[in-house]
Protein backbone atom coordinates (compact mmCIF):
# COMPACT_ATOMS: atom_id res chain seq x y z
CA MET A 1 89.11 3.03 -9.75
CA THR A 2 85.56 3.57 -9.81
CA ASN A 3 83.17 2.07 -7.39
CA HIS A 4 79.94 0.60 -9.41
CA SER A 5 78.17 -0.93 -6.39
CA ALA A 6 77.61 2.58 -5.17
CA HIS A 7 75.52 3.56 -8.15
CA THR A 8 73.96 0.18 -8.64
CA PRO A 9 70.41 -0.34 -7.27
CA GLY A 10 69.92 -3.06 -4.61
CA TRP A 11 67.54 -6.19 -5.13
CA PRO A 12 64.78 -4.52 -3.17
CA VAL A 13 64.57 -1.56 -5.56
CA ARG A 14 64.98 -3.65 -8.63
CA LEU A 15 62.12 -5.92 -7.28
CA ALA A 16 59.68 -3.13 -6.92
CA HIS A 17 60.59 -1.81 -10.34
CA ALA A 18 59.65 -5.17 -11.81
CA TYR A 19 56.34 -5.21 -9.90
CA ALA A 20 55.79 -1.88 -11.21
CA ALA A 21 56.37 -2.69 -14.82
CA VAL A 22 54.19 -5.92 -14.44
CA ALA A 23 51.23 -3.73 -12.92
CA ALA A 24 51.42 -1.06 -15.71
CA LEU A 25 51.37 -4.01 -18.48
CA ALA A 26 48.47 -5.58 -16.74
CA LEU A 27 46.32 -2.30 -17.13
CA THR A 28 46.76 -2.54 -20.58
CA TRP A 29 45.45 -5.89 -21.12
CA PRO A 30 41.60 -6.22 -21.81
CA CYS A 31 38.73 -6.79 -19.24
CA ALA A 32 38.74 -10.67 -20.13
CA ALA A 33 42.31 -11.01 -18.98
CA GLN A 34 41.94 -8.74 -15.92
CA SER A 35 38.57 -10.17 -14.38
CA LEU A 36 37.82 -13.68 -13.22
CA PHE A 37 34.42 -13.69 -14.10
CA GLN A 38 34.59 -11.93 -17.51
CA ARG A 39 33.91 -14.00 -20.27
CA PRO A 40 34.95 -12.83 -23.84
CA ILE A 41 32.41 -12.49 -26.35
CA SER A 42 33.63 -13.66 -29.79
CA PRO A 43 31.81 -11.91 -32.73
CA PRO A 44 29.66 -14.33 -34.75
CA PRO A 45 31.01 -16.13 -37.93
CA ALA A 46 30.42 -14.15 -41.18
CA PRO A 47 27.62 -15.45 -43.28
CA PRO A 48 28.79 -17.47 -46.54
CA VAL A 49 28.80 -15.26 -49.83
CA PRO A 50 27.02 -16.84 -52.57
CA THR A 51 28.68 -17.40 -55.70
CA VAL A 52 27.59 -17.65 -59.24
CA PRO A 53 28.99 -20.33 -61.47
CA GLN A 54 30.77 -19.46 -64.56
CA GLN A 55 29.07 -20.73 -67.93
CA ALA A 56 31.47 -21.69 -70.74
CA THR A 57 31.07 -20.14 -74.36
CA PRO A 58 31.12 -22.18 -77.28
CA SER A 59 34.49 -21.45 -78.16
CA GLY A 60 35.53 -22.75 -74.74
CA GLN A 61 36.16 -19.69 -72.85
CA PRO A 62 34.46 -18.71 -69.64
CA ALA A 63 31.64 -16.29 -70.18
CA ALA A 64 32.10 -12.85 -68.70
CA THR A 65 30.17 -12.04 -65.48
CA PRO A 66 27.69 -9.07 -65.94
CA ALA A 67 28.40 -6.45 -63.39
CA GLY A 68 25.56 -5.40 -61.14
CA PRO A 69 23.68 -6.48 -58.16
CA GLU A 70 21.33 -8.27 -60.18
CA ALA A 71 23.83 -10.59 -61.84
CA GLY A 72 25.92 -11.17 -59.03
CA GLY A 73 28.25 -8.42 -59.43
CA GLY A 74 28.05 -7.27 -55.82
CA ALA A 75 28.88 -10.75 -54.48
CA ASP A 76 31.81 -11.17 -56.61
CA GLN A 77 33.31 -7.86 -55.13
CA MET A 78 32.51 -8.95 -51.71
CA ALA A 79 34.17 -12.30 -52.43
CA SER A 80 37.09 -10.56 -53.86
CA LYS A 81 37.45 -8.59 -50.60
CA GLY A 82 37.15 -11.50 -48.47
CA PRO A 83 34.75 -11.98 -45.46
CA GLN A 84 33.87 -8.79 -43.72
CA PRO A 85 33.88 -8.88 -39.96
CA ILE A 86 30.88 -8.21 -38.36
CA ALA A 87 30.64 -5.77 -35.28
CA PRO A 88 29.04 -7.09 -32.11
CA PRO A 89 25.67 -5.59 -31.43
CA THR A 90 25.96 -2.36 -29.01
CA GLY A 91 26.44 -3.48 -25.40
CA ALA A 92 27.07 -6.92 -26.17
CA SER A 93 30.36 -6.87 -24.76
CA ALA A 94 29.24 -4.96 -21.55
CA MET A 95 29.04 -6.96 -18.55
CA THR A 96 26.25 -6.01 -15.86
CA VAL A 97 26.92 -5.95 -12.18
CA ASP A 98 24.81 -8.85 -11.28
CA GLN A 99 27.12 -10.86 -14.00
CA LEU A 100 30.27 -9.64 -12.31
CA SER A 101 29.60 -9.56 -8.61
CA LEU A 102 28.97 -12.36 -6.40
CA PHE A 103 26.77 -10.44 -3.89
CA ALA A 104 24.45 -8.33 -6.17
CA VAL A 105 20.85 -8.72 -5.35
CA THR A 106 18.58 -8.24 -8.26
CA PRO A 107 15.15 -6.73 -6.90
CA PRO A 108 12.09 -8.43 -7.96
CA ALA A 109 9.71 -6.91 -10.50
CA PRO A 110 6.50 -5.08 -9.06
CA ARG A 111 3.62 -7.28 -8.79
CA ARG A 112 0.67 -6.23 -10.80
CA PHE A 113 -2.76 -6.67 -8.88
CA GLN A 114 -6.04 -7.68 -10.36
CA LYS A 115 -9.30 -7.96 -9.11
CA HIS A 116 -9.90 -11.03 -6.51
CA ASP A 117 -6.25 -11.45 -5.94
CA LYS A 118 -5.67 -12.33 -2.10
CA ILE A 119 -3.92 -10.04 0.15
CA GLU A 120 -3.26 -11.25 4.08
CA VAL A 121 -4.41 -8.38 6.57
CA ILE A 122 -2.69 -8.17 9.87
CA ILE A 123 -5.29 -6.44 12.53
CA ASN A 124 -3.35 -4.98 15.47
CA GLU A 125 -5.57 -2.17 16.57
CA THR A 126 -5.33 -0.74 20.24
CA SER A 127 -7.60 2.13 21.41
CA LEU A 128 -7.61 3.76 24.77
CA GLN A 129 -10.75 6.03 25.46
CA LYS A 130 -10.69 7.87 28.98
CA ALA A 131 -13.44 10.79 29.98
CA GLU A 132 -14.14 12.62 33.18
CA GLN A 133 -17.02 14.98 33.45
CA SER A 134 -18.37 17.03 36.59
CA LEU A 135 -21.62 19.00 36.86
CA ASP A 136 -23.10 21.27 39.40
CA THR A 137 -26.19 22.99 39.01
CA THR A 138 -28.55 25.35 41.03
CA LYS A 139 -32.23 26.10 40.38
CA LYS A 140 -34.55 28.61 42.17
CA TYR A 141 -38.05 29.66 41.20
CA ASP A 142 -40.75 31.70 42.73
CA LEU A 143 -44.34 31.87 41.08
CA LYS A 144 -47.10 33.99 42.33
CA ALA A 145 -50.36 34.11 40.63
CA GLU A 146 -53.78 35.79 41.20
CA LEU A 147 -57.26 35.48 39.23
CA SER A 148 -58.81 38.84 39.64
CA GLN A 149 -61.91 38.36 37.02
CA PHE A 150 -63.50 35.39 35.59
CA PRO A 151 -66.73 35.00 34.15
CA SER A 152 -69.86 33.32 36.00
CA LEU A 153 -70.46 30.19 34.04
CA ARG A 154 -73.83 29.78 35.89
CA ARG A 155 -75.32 33.07 34.60
CA LEU A 156 -73.70 32.50 31.18
CA LEU A 157 -75.86 29.17 30.93
CA GLU A 158 -79.02 30.44 32.59
CA GLU A 159 -79.46 34.09 31.56
CA ALA A 160 -76.87 34.14 28.67
CA THR A 161 -75.05 37.11 30.17
CA ILE A 162 -71.67 37.59 30.89
CA ALA A 163 -70.82 38.78 34.43
CA ASN A 164 -67.93 38.60 36.84
CA GLY A 165 -68.36 35.50 38.69
CA ILE A 166 -65.36 35.85 41.04
CA GLY A 167 -66.33 36.78 44.35
CA SER A 168 -64.30 37.54 47.61
CA PRO A 169 -61.79 36.37 48.51
CA THR A 170 -59.90 36.53 45.04
CA PRO A 171 -58.29 33.16 44.35
CA SER A 172 -54.58 33.16 43.93
CA VAL A 173 -51.60 30.70 43.24
CA GLY A 174 -48.03 30.85 44.84
CA VAL A 175 -45.34 28.44 44.05
CA LYS A 176 -41.79 28.27 45.44
CA GLY A 177 -38.91 25.98 44.55
CA ASN A 178 -35.43 25.52 45.02
CA SER A 179 -33.37 22.47 43.83
CA ALA A 180 -29.55 21.75 43.33
CA PHE A 181 -27.71 18.81 41.77
CA LYS A 182 -24.19 17.86 41.71
CA GLY A 183 -22.71 15.03 39.67
CA GLU A 184 -19.36 13.64 38.74
CA GLY A 185 -18.66 11.00 35.98
CA THR A 186 -15.54 9.08 35.14
CA ALA A 187 -15.44 6.49 32.22
CA GLU A 188 -12.15 4.52 30.87
CA ARG A 189 -12.16 2.08 28.25
CA LYS A 190 -9.32 -0.02 26.77
CA ASP A 191 -9.65 -2.18 23.59
CA ARG A 192 -7.11 -4.44 21.97
CA PHE A 193 -8.13 -6.30 18.94
CA THR A 194 -5.66 -8.80 17.00
CA ALA A 195 -6.16 -11.03 14.10
CA ARG A 196 -5.04 -12.24 10.84
CA ILE A 197 -7.56 -12.32 7.71
CA SER A 198 -7.41 -12.99 4.01
CA ALA A 199 -8.96 -10.25 1.82
CA LEU A 200 -9.82 -10.10 -1.84
CA VAL A 201 -9.45 -7.34 -4.00
CA LEU A 202 -12.47 -5.63 -5.22
CA GLU A 203 -11.18 -2.81 -7.43
CA VAL A 204 -7.97 -1.27 -8.86
CA LYS A 205 -8.40 2.50 -8.71
CA PRO A 206 -6.81 4.40 -11.61
CA ASN A 207 -3.86 5.73 -9.37
CA GLY A 208 -3.19 2.12 -8.41
CA LEU A 209 -4.74 1.97 -4.95
CA LEU A 210 -6.35 -1.38 -4.03
CA LEU A 211 -9.80 -1.57 -2.67
CA ILE A 212 -9.85 -4.64 -0.33
CA GLU A 213 -12.61 -6.47 1.55
CA ALA A 214 -12.23 -9.41 3.80
CA ARG A 215 -15.20 -11.33 5.40
CA GLU A 216 -15.13 -14.13 8.08
CA SER A 217 -17.86 -16.15 9.70
CA GLN A 218 -17.45 -18.61 12.57
CA GLN A 219 -20.42 -20.39 14.10
CA PHE A 220 -20.21 -22.59 17.63
CA ASP A 221 -23.36 -23.93 18.08
CA THR A 222 -26.10 -21.37 18.39
CA GLU A 223 -23.17 -18.61 18.57
CA THR A 224 -22.13 -17.00 15.54
CA LYS A 225 -19.20 -14.42 15.08
CA SER A 226 -18.99 -12.30 12.08
CA LEU A 227 -15.82 -10.17 11.13
CA VAL A 228 -15.79 -7.58 8.36
CA VAL A 229 -12.61 -5.59 7.17
CA SER A 230 -12.28 -3.12 4.56
CA GLY A 231 -10.16 -0.39 3.47
CA MET A 232 -7.68 1.29 0.57
CA CYS A 233 -4.41 -0.28 0.44
CA ASP A 234 -1.35 0.99 -1.36
CA PRO A 235 0.62 -1.73 -3.07
CA LYS A 236 3.94 -0.14 -1.95
CA ASP A 237 2.94 -1.17 1.78
CA LEU A 238 2.72 -4.72 0.86
CA THR A 239 5.58 -7.13 2.09
CA ALA A 240 7.06 -9.90 0.02
CA GLN A 241 4.77 -12.43 1.67
CA GLY A 242 1.70 -10.15 0.49
CA THR A 243 0.96 -9.12 4.00
CA VAL A 244 -0.27 -5.34 5.11
CA GLN A 245 -0.86 -3.85 8.59
CA SER A 246 -4.28 -2.70 9.51
CA SER A 247 -3.01 0.55 10.34
CA GLN A 248 -1.67 1.26 6.96
CA LEU A 249 -5.24 0.82 5.32
CA ALA A 250 -7.10 4.02 4.25
CA ASN A 251 -10.77 4.30 5.25
CA LEU A 252 -10.47 1.51 7.61
CA VAL A 253 -13.55 -0.60 8.59
CA ILE A 254 -13.77 -3.13 11.14
CA ARG A 255 -17.07 -4.52 12.17
CA VAL A 256 -17.55 -7.51 14.62
CA GLU A 257 -21.08 -8.95 15.33
CA HIS A 258 -22.18 -11.51 17.64
CA THR A 259 -25.49 -13.10 17.53
CA GLY A 260 -27.03 -16.04 19.65
CA ASP A 261 -28.21 -16.88 23.17
CA LEU A 262 -25.07 -15.08 24.81
CA ARG A 263 -25.86 -12.04 23.21
CA ASP A 264 -29.67 -12.26 23.73
CA GLY A 265 -29.11 -12.73 27.42
CA ALA A 266 -26.87 -9.69 27.77
CA LYS A 267 -29.42 -7.66 26.11
CA LYS A 268 -31.80 -5.38 28.19
CA GLY A 269 -35.55 -5.94 27.79
CA TRP A 270 -38.09 -3.72 26.70
CA ILE A 271 -39.44 -2.71 30.28
CA PRO A 272 -35.84 -1.66 31.51
CA GLN A 273 -35.31 0.13 28.14
CA ILE A 274 -38.78 2.20 28.75
CA MET A 275 -37.92 2.92 32.22
CA GLU A 276 -34.62 4.36 31.24
CA THR A 277 -36.29 6.36 28.47
CA VAL A 278 -39.15 7.78 30.67
CA PHE A 279 -37.21 8.31 33.97
CA GLY A 280 -33.73 8.45 32.89
CA MET A 281 -32.42 5.60 35.37
């Protein structure tokens, strides 16, 4: 007696075979049947085929339709063959990633700038300057001079003759000097400037760089503050909000000017300026 249960596979094996068969069948299905987001694209309906009405002859028989595209022979042939299927345009059935994915992000198109467009400049400049200087000088000089011959002015005027007018003792000059100087100096300066200002595009260069300039003026009673910022900006450095850092500008120029009573009070007068120029004070 033969035992068939030993050769018959169990239910887990048969279930695995069934899953494999369903998966193989699913792979043969079209994309519209496999994807939850794929929408099948049906071909557009075929255009109607014009027909030429038949005219009856005097004997009652229908007239023969002449062949040729002018007489409608080509249309009759197309009608006899039935409506021809029209293939969808190339790429119509292909779906893009943006249509299939729930997380795909389409990057925005690059912005094209024109003259007088507005760009916001974020000024964040920090500078640190430090200098040290030491000077040590020593100067010595010794000068001796003696006047041995000189014409007599009295005889030159009275007698119109040239004679030696230097008598005895002979005049002489002697100078000696000694000087020493030692100086040391240290200077340190730290500046920080932070501001936000809107600039306008003055010119768009052939390579795409933007020449921008910003001007701002603030007046408080008799005090006036003027700020001017200019430079060359690369559109690639602009953020999505249209801002750019001042450190990313080429040929950067920042000028701050103050006018008013406060500035005039801190300015030196012409007398201290002359004293500093003449005496080096």
